[in-house]
Amino acid sequence: GYRAIGFDHRGHGESEKLYDPALYDTRIMAEDAQRLLAHL
């Protein structure tokens, strides 16, 4: 009875690939997650 939402991290799966390590800070990746909720 739950709604399942998942995403590919930046650099993974079908999401955009980035090559600067600074863009993979887990605080930035948490912003991706937060923005997905806002998008929905």
PDB file of all heavy atoms in Angstrom:
ATOM      1  N   GLY A   1       0.771  -1.231   0.000  1.00  0.00           N
ATOM      2  CA  GLY A   1       0.000   0.000   0.000  1.00  0.00           C
ATOM      3  C   GLY A   1       0.805   1.285   0.000  1.00  0.00           C
ATOM      4  O   GLY A   1       0.269   2.353   0.308  1.00  0.00           O
ATOM      5  N   TYR A   2       2.087   1.194  -0.361  1.00  0.00           N
ATOM      6  CA  TYR A   2       2.935   2.382  -0.409  1.00  0.00           C
ATOM      7  C   TYR A   2       3.190   2.823  -1.850  1.00  0.00           C
ATOM      8  O   TYR A   2       3.049   2.028  -2.797  1.00  0.00           O
ATOM      9  CB  TYR A   2       4.284   2.114   0.278  1.00  0.00           C
ATOM     10  CG  TYR A   2       4.152   1.859   1.757  1.00  0.00           C
ATOM     11  CD1 TYR A   2       4.125   0.557   2.260  1.00  0.00           C
ATOM     12  CD2 TYR A   2       4.041   2.916   2.658  1.00  0.00           C
ATOM     13  CE1 TYR A   2       3.996   0.310   3.623  1.00  0.00           C
ATOM     14  CE2 TYR A   2       3.906   2.683   4.020  1.00  0.00           C
ATOM     15  CZ  TYR A   2       3.883   1.378   4.494  1.00  0.00           C
ATOM     16  OH  TYR A   2       3.741   1.151   5.836  1.00  0.00           O
ATOM     17  N   ARG A   3       3.573   4.051  -2.010  1.00  0.00           N
ATOM     18  CA  ARG A   3       3.986   4.614  -3.294  1.00  0.00           C
ATOM     19  C   ARG A   3       5.507   4.573  -3.359  1.00  0.00           C
ATOM     20  O   ARG A   3       6.179   5.205  -2.538  1.00  0.00           O
ATOM     21  CB  ARG A   3       3.476   6.044  -3.410  1.00  0.00           C
ATOM     22  CG  ARG A   3       3.883   6.802  -4.665  1.00  0.00           C
ATOM     23  CD  ARG A   3       3.275   8.201  -4.606  1.00  0.00           C
ATOM     24  NE  ARG A   3       3.717   9.055  -5.702  1.00  0.00           N
ATOM     25  CZ  ARG A   3       3.369  10.340  -5.848  1.00  0.00           C
ATOM     26  NH1 ARG A   3       2.556  10.893  -4.942  1.00  0.00           N
ATOM     27  NH2 ARG A   3       3.821  11.060  -6.860  1.00  0.00           N
ATOM     28  N   ALA A   4       6.059   3.819  -4.281  1.00  0.00           N
ATOM     29  CA  ALA A   4       7.513   3.621  -4.382  1.00  0.00           C
ATOM     30  C   ALA A   4       8.101   4.592  -5.403  1.00  0.00           C
ATOM     31  O   ALA A   4       7.727   4.577  -6.582  1.00  0.00           O
ATOM     32  CB  ALA A   4       7.833   2.187  -4.773  1.00  0.00           C
ATOM     33  N   ILE A   5       9.043   5.408  -4.932  1.00  0.00           N
ATOM     34  CA  ILE A   5       9.705   6.404  -5.780  1.00  0.00           C
ATOM     35  C   ILE A   5      11.205   6.153  -5.705  1.00  0.00           C
ATOM     36  O   ILE A   5      11.766   6.039  -4.616  1.00  0.00           O
ATOM     37  CB  ILE A   5       9.389   7.828  -5.290  1.00  0.00           C
ATOM     38  CG1 ILE A   5       7.872   8.087  -5.309  1.00  0.00           C
ATOM     39  CG2 ILE A   5      10.135   8.872  -6.122  1.00  0.00           C
ATOM     40  CD1 ILE A   5       7.458   9.281  -4.475  1.00  0.00           C
ATOM     41  N   GLY A   6      11.847   6.037  -6.838  1.00  0.00           N
ATOM     42  CA  GLY A   6      13.295   5.837  -6.855  1.00  0.00           C
ATOM     43  C   GLY A   6      13.922   6.621  -7.982  1.00  0.00           C
ATOM     44  O   GLY A   6      13.257   6.991  -8.945  1.00  0.00           O
ATOM     45  N   PHE A   7      15.215   6.871  -7.860  1.00  0.00           N
ATOM     46  CA  PHE A   7      15.908   7.632  -8.899  1.00  0.00           C
ATOM     47  C   PHE A   7      17.334   7.116  -9.056  1.00  0.00           C
ATOM     48  O   PHE A   7      17.876   6.470  -8.161  1.00  0.00           O
ATOM     49  CB  PHE A   7      15.913   9.135  -8.584  1.00  0.00           C
ATOM     50  CG  PHE A   7      16.705   9.521  -7.362  1.00  0.00           C
ATOM     51  CD1 PHE A   7      17.990  10.040  -7.485  1.00  0.00           C
ATOM     52  CD2 PHE A   7      16.176   9.366  -6.083  1.00  0.00           C
ATOM     53  CE1 PHE A   7      18.725  10.398  -6.361  1.00  0.00           C
ATOM     54  CE2 PHE A   7      16.894   9.727  -4.959  1.00  0.00           C
ATOM     55  CZ  PHE A   7      18.169  10.240  -5.091  1.00  0.00           C
ATOM     56  N   ASP A   8      17.907   7.398 -10.211  1.00  0.00           N
ATOM     57  CA  ASP A   8      19.317   7.108 -10.447  1.00  0.00           C
ATOM     58  C   ASP A   8      20.138   8.300  -9.977  1.00  0.00           C
ATOM     59  O   ASP A   8      19.894   9.434 -10.408  1.00  0.00           O
ATOM     60  CB  ASP A   8      19.588   6.870 -11.938  1.00  0.00           C
ATOM     61  CG  ASP A   8      19.095   5.516 -12.410  1.00  0.00           C
ATOM     62  OD1 ASP A   8      19.079   4.576 -11.603  1.00  0.00           O
ATOM     63  OD2 ASP A   8      18.732   5.405 -13.597  1.00  0.00           O
ATOM     64  N   HIS A   9      21.108   8.043  -9.088  1.00  0.00           N
ATOM     65  CA  HIS A   9      22.026   9.111  -8.704  1.00  0.00           C
ATOM     66  C   HIS A   9      22.682   9.715  -9.941  1.00  0.00           C
ATOM     67  O   HIS A   9      22.876   9.042 -10.960  1.00  0.00           O
ATOM     68  CB  HIS A   9      23.151   8.564  -7.823  1.00  0.00           C
ATOM     69  CG  HIS A   9      22.740   8.244  -6.427  1.00  0.00           C
ATOM     70  ND1 HIS A   9      22.252   9.187  -5.550  1.00  0.00           N
ATOM     71  CD2 HIS A   9      22.777   7.079  -5.736  1.00  0.00           C
ATOM     72  CE1 HIS A   9      21.998   8.626  -4.396  1.00  0.00           C
ATOM     73  NE2 HIS A   9      22.301   7.341  -4.471  1.00  0.00           N
ATOM     74  N   ARG A  10      23.058  10.959  -9.842  1.00  0.00           N
ATOM     75  CA  ARG A  10      23.924  11.556 -10.858  1.00  0.00           C
ATOM     76  C   ARG A  10      25.122  10.634 -11.081  1.00  0.00           C
ATOM     77  O   ARG A  10      25.688  10.080 -10.131  1.00  0.00           O
ATOM     78  CB  ARG A  10      24.371  12.952 -10.410  1.00  0.00           C
ATOM     79  CG  ARG A  10      24.937  12.995  -8.992  1.00  0.00           C
ATOM     80  CD  ARG A  10      25.357  14.391  -8.547  1.00  0.00           C
ATOM     81  NE  ARG A  10      24.251  15.329  -8.564  1.00  0.00           N
ATOM     82  CZ  ARG A  10      24.399  16.644  -8.721  1.00  0.00           C
ATOM     83  NH1 ARG A  10      25.621  17.158  -8.852  1.00  0.00           N
ATOM     84  NH2 ARG A  10      23.355  17.445  -8.741  1.00  0.00           N
ATOM     85  N   GLY A  11      25.492  10.433 -12.339  1.00  0.00           N
ATOM     86  CA  GLY A  11      26.610   9.553 -12.668  1.00  0.00           C
ATOM     87  C   GLY A  11      26.250   8.088 -12.762  1.00  0.00           C
ATOM     88  O   GLY A  11      27.107   7.265 -13.081  1.00  0.00           O
ATOM     89  N   HIS A  12      25.002   7.736 -12.487  1.00  0.00           N
ATOM     90  CA  HIS A  12      24.558   6.346 -12.442  1.00  0.00           C
ATOM     91  C   HIS A  12      23.362   6.122 -13.364  1.00  0.00           C
ATOM     92  O   HIS A  12      22.596   7.053 -13.630  1.00  0.00           O
ATOM     93  CB  HIS A  12      24.152   5.953 -11.023  1.00  0.00           C
ATOM     94  CG  HIS A  12      25.260   5.948 -10.027  1.00  0.00           C
ATOM     95  ND1 HIS A  12      25.864   7.100  -9.577  1.00  0.00           N
ATOM     96  CD2 HIS A  12      25.871   4.922  -9.373  1.00  0.00           C
ATOM     97  CE1 HIS A  12      26.804   6.784  -8.695  1.00  0.00           C
ATOM     98  NE2 HIS A  12      26.823   5.469  -8.556  1.00  0.00           N
ATOM     99  N   GLY A  13      23.185   4.878 -13.772  1.00  0.00           N
ATOM    100  CA  GLY A  13      21.987   4.484 -14.508  1.00  0.00           C
ATOM    101  C   GLY A  13      21.698   5.378 -15.697  1.00  0.00           C
ATOM    102  O   GLY A  13      22.557   5.638 -16.539  1.00  0.00           O
ATOM    103  N   GLU A  14      20.465   5.871 -15.728  1.00  0.00           N
ATOM    104  CA  GLU A  14      20.031   6.712 -16.848  1.00  0.00           C
ATOM    105  C   GLU A  14      20.164   8.200 -16.562  1.00  0.00           C
ATOM    106  O   GLU A  14      19.733   9.029 -17.377  1.00  0.00           O
ATOM    107  CB  GLU A  14      18.580   6.382 -17.194  1.00  0.00           C
ATOM    108  CG  GLU A  14      18.363   4.947 -17.637  1.00  0.00           C
ATOM    109  CD  GLU A  14      16.885   4.658 -17.873  1.00  0.00           C
ATOM    110  OE1 GLU A  14      16.342   5.163 -18.873  1.00  0.00           O
ATOM    111  OE2 GLU A  14      16.285   3.945 -17.060  1.00  0.00           O
ATOM    112  N   SER A  15      20.726   8.554 -15.413  1.00  0.00           N
ATOM    113  CA  SER A  15      20.907   9.969 -15.091  1.00  0.00           C
ATOM    114  C   SER A  15      22.182  10.513 -15.742  1.00  0.00           C
ATOM    115  O   SER A  15      23.030   9.762 -16.230  1.00  0.00           O
ATOM    116  CB  SER A  15      20.953  10.176 -13.574  1.00  0.00           C
ATOM    117  OG  SER A  15      19.685   9.945 -12.998  1.00  0.00           O
ATOM    118  N   GLU A  16      22.309  11.827 -15.716  1.00  0.00           N
ATOM    119  CA  GLU A  16      23.431  12.499 -16.378  1.00  0.00           C
ATOM    120  C   GLU A  16      24.757  12.111 -15.729  1.00  0.00           C
ATOM    121  O   GLU A  16      24.854  11.986 -14.510  1.00  0.00           O
ATOM    122  CB  GLU A  16      23.229  14.009 -16.301  1.00  0.00           C
ATOM    123  CG  GLU A  16      24.255  14.824 -17.071  1.00  0.00           C
ATOM    124  CD  GLU A  16      23.927  16.300 -17.091  1.00  0.00           C
ATOM    125  OE1 GLU A  16      22.797  16.688 -16.714  1.00  0.00           O
ATOM    126  OE2 GLU A  16      24.820  17.089 -17.492  1.00  0.00           O
ATOM    127  N   LYS A  17      25.775  11.946 -16.564  1.00  0.00           N
ATOM    128  CA  LYS A  17      27.108  11.581 -16.090  1.00  0.00           C
ATOM    129  C   LYS A  17      27.951  12.841 -15.918  1.00  0.00           C
ATOM    130  O   LYS A  17      28.041  13.675 -16.821  1.00  0.00           O
ATOM    131  CB  LYS A  17      27.786  10.617 -17.073  1.00  0.00           C
ATOM    132  CG  LYS A  17      26.936   9.394 -17.454  1.00  0.00           C
ATOM    133  CD  LYS A  17      26.474   8.605 -16.237  1.00  0.00           C
ATOM    134  CE  LYS A  17      25.695   7.351 -16.611  1.00  0.00           C
ATOM    135  NZ  LYS A  17      24.383   7.621 -17.227  1.00  0.00           N
ATOM    136  N   LEU A  18      28.554  12.960 -14.748  1.00  0.00           N
ATOM    137  CA  LEU A  18      29.396  14.105 -14.413  1.00  0.00           C
ATOM    138  C   LEU A  18      30.779  13.584 -14.020  1.00  0.00           C
ATOM    139  O   LEU A  18      30.896  12.485 -13.479  1.00  0.00           O
ATOM    140  CB  LEU A  18      28.774  14.896 -13.258  1.00  0.00           C
ATOM    141  CG  LEU A  18      27.315  15.328 -13.455  1.00  0.00           C
ATOM    142  CD1 LEU A  18      26.738  15.850 -12.158  1.00  0.00           C
ATOM    143  CD2 LEU A  18      27.208  16.375 -14.553  1.00  0.00           C
ATOM    144  N   TYR A  19      31.816  14.399 -14.242  1.00  0.00           N
ATOM    145  CA  TYR A  19      33.179  13.893 -14.067  1.00  0.00           C
ATOM    146  C   TYR A  19      34.022  14.708 -13.100  1.00  0.00           C
ATOM    147  O   TYR A  19      35.210  14.445 -12.940  1.00  0.00           O
ATOM    148  CB  TYR A  19      33.854  13.802 -15.442  1.00  0.00           C
ATOM    149  CG  TYR A  19      33.041  12.953 -16.396  1.00  0.00           C
ATOM    150  CD1 TYR A  19      32.302  13.532 -17.415  1.00  0.00           C
ATOM    151  CD2 TYR A  19      32.961  11.570 -16.225  1.00  0.00           C
ATOM    152  CE1 TYR A  19      31.519  12.754 -18.259  1.00  0.00           C
ATOM    153  CE2 TYR A  19      32.190  10.778 -17.057  1.00  0.00           C
ATOM    154  CZ  TYR A  19      31.466  11.388 -18.071  1.00  0.00           C
ATOM    155  OH  TYR A  19      30.683  10.606 -18.885  1.00  0.00           O
ATOM    156  N   ASP A  20      33.405  15.658 -12.418  1.00  0.00           N
ATOM    157  CA  ASP A  20      34.080  16.446 -11.396  1.00  0.00           C
ATOM    158  C   ASP A  20      33.726  15.858 -10.036  1.00  0.00           C
ATOM    159  O   ASP A  20      32.555  15.860  -9.643  1.00  0.00           O
ATOM    160  CB  ASP A  20      33.623  17.900 -11.490  1.00  0.00           C
ATOM    161  CG  ASP A  20      34.277  18.793 -10.443  1.00  0.00           C
ATOM    162  OD1 ASP A  20      35.001  18.277  -9.563  1.00  0.00           O
ATOM    163  OD2 ASP A  20      34.046  20.024 -10.505  1.00  0.00           O
ATOM    164  N   PRO A  21      34.701  15.342  -9.282  1.00  0.00           N
ATOM    165  CA  PRO A  21      34.377  14.754  -7.971  1.00  0.00           C
ATOM    166  C   PRO A  21      33.602  15.690  -7.049  1.00  0.00           C
ATOM    167  O   PRO A  21      32.774  15.225  -6.251  1.00  0.00           O
ATOM    168  CB  PRO A  21      35.755  14.415  -7.400  1.00  0.00           C
ATOM    169  CG  PRO A  21      36.613  14.173  -8.598  1.00  0.00           C
ATOM    170  CD  PRO A  21      36.131  15.174  -9.616  1.00  0.00           C
ATOM    171  N   ALA A  22      33.831  16.995  -7.151  1.00  0.00           N
ATOM    172  CA  ALA A  22      33.146  17.940  -6.271  1.00  0.00           C
ATOM    173  C   ALA A  22      31.632  17.919  -6.463  1.00  0.00           C
ATOM    174  O   ALA A  22      30.883  18.301  -5.558  1.00  0.00           O
ATOM    175  CB  ALA A  22      33.672  19.350  -6.506  1.00  0.00           C
ATOM    176  N   LEU A  23      31.177  17.444  -7.608  1.00  0.00           N
ATOM    177  CA  LEU A  23      29.743  17.414  -7.891  1.00  0.00           C
ATOM    178  C   LEU A  23      29.067  16.174  -7.305  1.00  0.00           C
ATOM    179  O   LEU A  23      27.858  15.990  -7.475  1.00  0.00           O
ATOM    180  CB  LEU A  23      29.510  17.471  -9.405  1.00  0.00           C
ATOM    181  CG  LEU A  23      29.987  18.755 -10.081  1.00  0.00           C
ATOM    182  CD1 LEU A  23      29.777  18.677 -11.582  1.00  0.00           C
ATOM    183  CD2 LEU A  23      29.285  19.971  -9.497  1.00  0.00           C
ATOM    184  N   TYR A  24      29.849  15.331  -6.606  1.00  0.00           N
ATOM    185  CA  TYR A  24      29.294  14.126  -5.982  1.00  0.00           C
ATOM    186  C   TYR A  24      29.316  14.197  -4.454  1.00  0.00           C
ATOM    187  O   TYR A  24      29.177  13.179  -3.786  1.00  0.00           O
ATOM    188  CB  TYR A  24      30.052  12.888  -6.456  1.00  0.00           C
ATOM    189  CG  TYR A  24      29.792  12.548  -7.900  1.00  0.00           C
ATOM    190  CD1 TYR A  24      30.662  12.986  -8.902  1.00  0.00           C
ATOM    191  CD2 TYR A  24      28.683  11.807  -8.275  1.00  0.00           C
ATOM    192  CE1 TYR A  24      30.427  12.675 -10.236  1.00  0.00           C
ATOM    193  CE2 TYR A  24      28.441  11.496  -9.595  1.00  0.00           C
ATOM    194  CZ  TYR A  24      29.318  11.935 -10.585  1.00  0.00           C
ATOM    195  OH  TYR A  24      29.077  11.629 -11.896  1.00  0.00           O
ATOM    196  N   ASP A  25      29.467  15.379  -3.917  1.00  0.00           N
ATOM    197  CA  ASP A  25      29.331  15.558  -2.475  1.00  0.00           C
ATOM    198  C   ASP A  25      27.959  15.012  -2.063  1.00  0.00           C
ATOM    199  O   ASP A  25      26.948  15.307  -2.706  1.00  0.00           O
ATOM    200  CB  ASP A  25      29.450  17.050  -2.145  1.00  0.00           C
ATOM    201  CG  ASP A  25      29.491  17.340  -0.661  1.00  0.00           C
ATOM    202  OD1 ASP A  25      28.544  16.926   0.055  1.00  0.00           O
ATOM    203  OD2 ASP A  25      30.448  17.991  -0.208  1.00  0.00           O
ATOM    204  N   THR A  26      27.907  14.218  -0.999  1.00  0.00           N
ATOM    205  CA  THR A  26      26.633  13.609  -0.622  1.00  0.00           C
ATOM    206  C   THR A  26      25.593  14.647  -0.196  1.00  0.00           C
ATOM    207  O   THR A  26      24.393  14.379  -0.260  1.00  0.00           O
ATOM    208  CB  THR A  26      26.822  12.569   0.501  1.00  0.00           C
ATOM    209  OG1 THR A  26      27.576  13.132   1.572  1.00  0.00           O
ATOM    210  CG2 THR A  26      27.528  11.339  -0.029  1.00  0.00           C
ATOM    211  N   ARG A  27      26.031  15.838   0.198  1.00  0.00           N
ATOM    212  CA  ARG A  27      25.066  16.891   0.504  1.00  0.00           C
ATOM    213  C   ARG A  27      24.401  17.395  -0.768  1.00  0.00           C
ATOM    214  O   ARG A  27      23.210  17.711  -0.773  1.00  0.00           O
ATOM    215  CB  ARG A  27      25.764  18.033   1.250  1.00  0.00           C
ATOM    216  CG  ARG A  27      26.187  17.658   2.659  1.00  0.00           C
ATOM    217  CD  ARG A  27      27.211  18.587   3.242  1.00  0.00           C
ATOM    218  NE  ARG A  27      28.496  18.492   2.553  1.00  0.00           N
ATOM    219  CZ  ARG A  27      29.646  18.922   3.049  1.00  0.00           C
ATOM    220  NH1 ARG A  27      29.683  19.481   4.251  1.00  0.00           N
ATOM    221  NH2 ARG A  27      30.765  18.804   2.365  1.00  0.00           N
ATOM    222  N   ILE A  28      25.160  17.432  -1.868  1.00  0.00           N
ATOM    223  CA  ILE A  28      24.579  17.807  -3.158  1.00  0.00           C
ATOM    224  C   ILE A  28      23.643  16.703  -3.645  1.00  0.00           C
ATOM    225  O   ILE A  28      22.559  16.978  -4.179  1.00  0.00           O
ATOM    226  CB  ILE A  28      25.694  18.071  -4.184  1.00  0.00           C
ATOM    227  CG1 ILE A  28      26.535  19.276  -3.769  1.00  0.00           C
ATOM    228  CG2 ILE A  28      25.113  18.279  -5.582  1.00  0.00           C
ATOM    229  CD1 ILE A  28      27.739  19.530  -4.648  1.00  0.00           C
ATOM    230  N   MET A  29      24.039  15.452  -3.437  1.00  0.00           N
ATOM    231  CA  MET A  29      23.189  14.343  -3.865  1.00  0.00           C
ATOM    232  C   MET A  29      21.894  14.301  -3.048  1.00  0.00           C
ATOM    233  O   MET A  29      20.834  13.903  -3.557  1.00  0.00           O
ATOM    234  CB  MET A  29      23.970  13.042  -3.759  1.00  0.00           C
ATOM    235  CG  MET A  29      25.169  13.018  -4.710  1.00  0.00           C
ATOM    236  SD  MET A  29      26.328  11.682  -4.394  1.00  0.00           S
ATOM    237  CE  MET A  29      25.535  10.331  -5.252  1.00  0.00           C
ATOM    238  N   ALA A  30      21.954  14.728  -1.787  1.00  0.00           N
ATOM    239  CA  ALA A  30      20.735  14.840  -0.986  1.00  0.00           C
ATOM    240  C   ALA A  30      19.812  15.913  -1.560  1.00  0.00           C
ATOM    241  O   ALA A  30      18.577  15.792  -1.474  1.00  0.00           O
ATOM    242  CB  ALA A  30      21.078  15.148   0.464  1.00  0.00           C
ATOM    243  N   GLU A  31      20.381  16.949  -2.142  1.00  0.00           N
ATOM    244  CA  GLU A  31      19.568  17.977  -2.786  1.00  0.00           C
ATOM    245  C   GLU A  31      18.828  17.404  -3.989  1.00  0.00           C
ATOM    246  O   GLU A  31      17.678  17.779  -4.259  1.00  0.00           O
ATOM    247  CB  GLU A  31      20.439  19.162  -3.197  1.00  0.00           C
ATOM    248  CG  GLU A  31      20.994  19.949  -2.024  1.00  0.00           C
ATOM    249  CD  GLU A  31      21.961  21.038  -2.451  1.00  0.00           C
ATOM    250  OE1 GLU A  31      22.176  21.202  -3.675  1.00  0.00           O
ATOM    251  OE2 GLU A  31      22.502  21.729  -1.564  1.00  0.00           O
ATOM    252  N   ASP A  32      19.467  16.480  -4.726  1.00  0.00           N
ATOM    253  CA  ASP A  32      18.767  15.808  -5.832  1.00  0.00           C
ATOM    254  C   ASP A  32      17.518  15.106  -5.314  1.00  0.00           C
ATOM    255  O   ASP A  32      16.437  15.183  -5.914  1.00  0.00           O
ATOM    256  CB  ASP A  32      19.677  14.781  -6.508  1.00  0.00           C
ATOM    257  CG  ASP A  32      20.838  15.391  -7.277  1.00  0.00           C
ATOM    258  OD1 ASP A  32      20.744  16.572  -7.680  1.00  0.00           O
ATOM    259  OD2 ASP A  32      21.831  14.671  -7.495  1.00  0.00           O
ATOM    260  N   ALA A  33      17.675  14.393  -4.205  1.00  0.00           N
ATOM    261  CA  ALA A  33      16.544  13.668  -3.619  1.00  0.00           C
ATOM    262  C   ALA A  33      15.440  14.617  -3.184  1.00  0.00           C
ATOM    263  O   ALA A  33      14.248  14.384  -3.441  1.00  0.00           O
ATOM    264  CB  ALA A  33      17.028  12.829  -2.440  1.00  0.00           C
ATOM    265  N   GLN A  34      15.818  15.694  -2.521  1.00  0.00           N
ATOM    266  CA  GLN A  34      14.842  16.679  -2.069  1.00  0.00           C
ATOM    267  C   GLN A  34      14.127  17.314  -3.260  1.00  0.00           C
ATOM    268  O   GLN A  34      12.896  17.510  -3.230  1.00  0.00           O
ATOM    269  CB  GLN A  34      15.550  17.756  -1.239  1.00  0.00           C
ATOM    270  CG  GLN A  34      14.770  19.036  -1.020  1.00  0.00           C
ATOM    271  CD  GLN A  34      13.518  18.830  -0.176  1.00  0.00           C
ATOM    272  OE1 GLN A  34      13.359  17.789   0.441  1.00  0.00           O
ATOM    273  NE2 GLN A  34      12.636  19.811  -0.175  1.00  0.00           N
ATOM    274  N   ARG A  35      14.873  17.613  -4.313  1.00  0.00           N
ATOM    275  CA  ARG A  35      14.249  18.246  -5.488  1.00  0.00           C
ATOM    276  C   ARG A  35      13.290  17.287  -6.189  1.00  0.00           C
ATOM    277  O   ARG A  35      12.300  17.728  -6.788  1.00  0.00           O
ATOM    278  CB  ARG A  35      15.328  18.729  -6.449  1.00  0.00           C
ATOM    279  CG  ARG A  35      16.127  19.918  -5.927  1.00  0.00           C
ATOM    280  CD  ARG A  35      17.033  20.492  -6.999  1.00  0.00           C
ATOM    281  NE  ARG A  35      17.900  21.520  -6.444  1.00  0.00           N
ATOM    282  CZ  ARG A  35      19.204  21.399  -6.272  1.00  0.00           C
ATOM    283  NH1 ARG A  35      19.820  20.267  -6.637  1.00  0.00           N
ATOM    284  NH2 ARG A  35      19.914  22.374  -5.750  1.00  0.00           N
ATOM    285  N   LEU A  36      13.572  15.989  -6.148  1.00  0.00           N
ATOM    286  CA  LEU A  36      12.640  15.036  -6.735  1.00  0.00           C
ATOM    287  C   LEU A  36      11.309  15.063  -5.993  1.00  0.00           C
ATOM    288  O   LEU A  36      10.235  15.070  -6.613  1.00  0.00           O
ATOM    289  CB  LEU A  36      13.232  13.620  -6.726  1.00  0.00           C
ATOM    290  CG  LEU A  36      12.292  12.505  -7.207  1.00  0.00           C
ATOM    291  CD1 LEU A  36      11.743  12.785  -8.604  1.00  0.00           C
ATOM    292  CD2 LEU A  36      13.004  11.157  -7.171  1.00  0.00           C
ATOM    293  N   LEU A  37      11.359  15.077  -4.674  1.00  0.00           N
ATOM    294  CA  LEU A  37      10.116  15.181  -3.913  1.00  0.00           C
ATOM    295  C   LEU A  37       9.364  16.459  -4.277  1.00  0.00           C
ATOM    296  O   LEU A  37       8.135  16.442  -4.473  1.00  0.00           O
ATOM    297  CB  LEU A  37      10.404  15.141  -2.410  1.00  0.00           C
ATOM    298  CG  LEU A  37      10.953  13.832  -1.841  1.00  0.00           C
ATOM    299  CD1 LEU A  37      11.103  13.950  -0.324  1.00  0.00           C
ATOM    300  CD2 LEU A  37      10.066  12.645  -2.196  1.00  0.00           C
ATOM    301  N   ALA A  38      10.088  17.570  -4.365  1.00  0.00           N
ATOM    302  CA  ALA A  38       9.446  18.834  -4.729  1.00  0.00           C
ATOM    303  C   ALA A  38       8.861  18.760  -6.136  1.00  0.00           C
ATOM    304  O   ALA A  38       7.748  19.259  -6.390  1.00  0.00           O
ATOM    305  CB  ALA A  38      10.458  19.977  -4.617  1.00  0.00           C
ATOM    306  N   HIS A  39       9.598  18.140  -7.051  1.00  0.00           N
ATOM    307  CA  HIS A  39       9.115  17.976  -8.426  1.00  0.00           C
ATOM    308  C   HIS A  39       7.791  17.210  -8.456  1.00  0.00           C
ATOM    309  O   HIS A  39       6.905  17.506  -9.272  1.00  0.00           O
ATOM    310  CB  HIS A  39      10.182  17.243  -9.243  1.00  0.00           C
ATOM    311  CG  HIS A  39       9.740  16.843 -10.620  1.00  0.00           C
ATOM    312  ND1 HIS A  39       9.609  17.744 -11.656  1.00  0.00           N
ATOM    313  CD2 HIS A  39       9.391  15.617 -11.125  1.00  0.00           C
ATOM    314  CE1 HIS A  39       9.208  17.104 -12.743  1.00  0.00           C
ATOM    315  NE2 HIS A  39       9.063  15.821 -12.450  1.00  0.00           N
ATOM    316  N   LEU A  40       7.648  16.240  -7.560  1.00  0.00           N
ATOM    317  CA  LEU A  40       6.436  15.422  -7.503  1.00  0.00           C
ATOM    318  C   LEU A  40       5.359  16.043  -6.615  1.00  0.00           C
ATOM    319  O   LEU A  40       4.288  15.451  -6.434  1.00  0.00           O
ATOM    320  CB  LEU A  40       6.780  14.021  -6.995  1.00  0.00           C
ATOM    321  CG  LEU A  40       7.708  13.206  -7.899  1.00  0.00           C
ATOM    322  CD1 LEU A  40       8.106  11.896  -7.222  1.00  0.00           C
ATOM    323  CD2 LEU A  40       7.048  12.932  -9.252  1.00  0.00           C
TER     324      LEU A  40
END
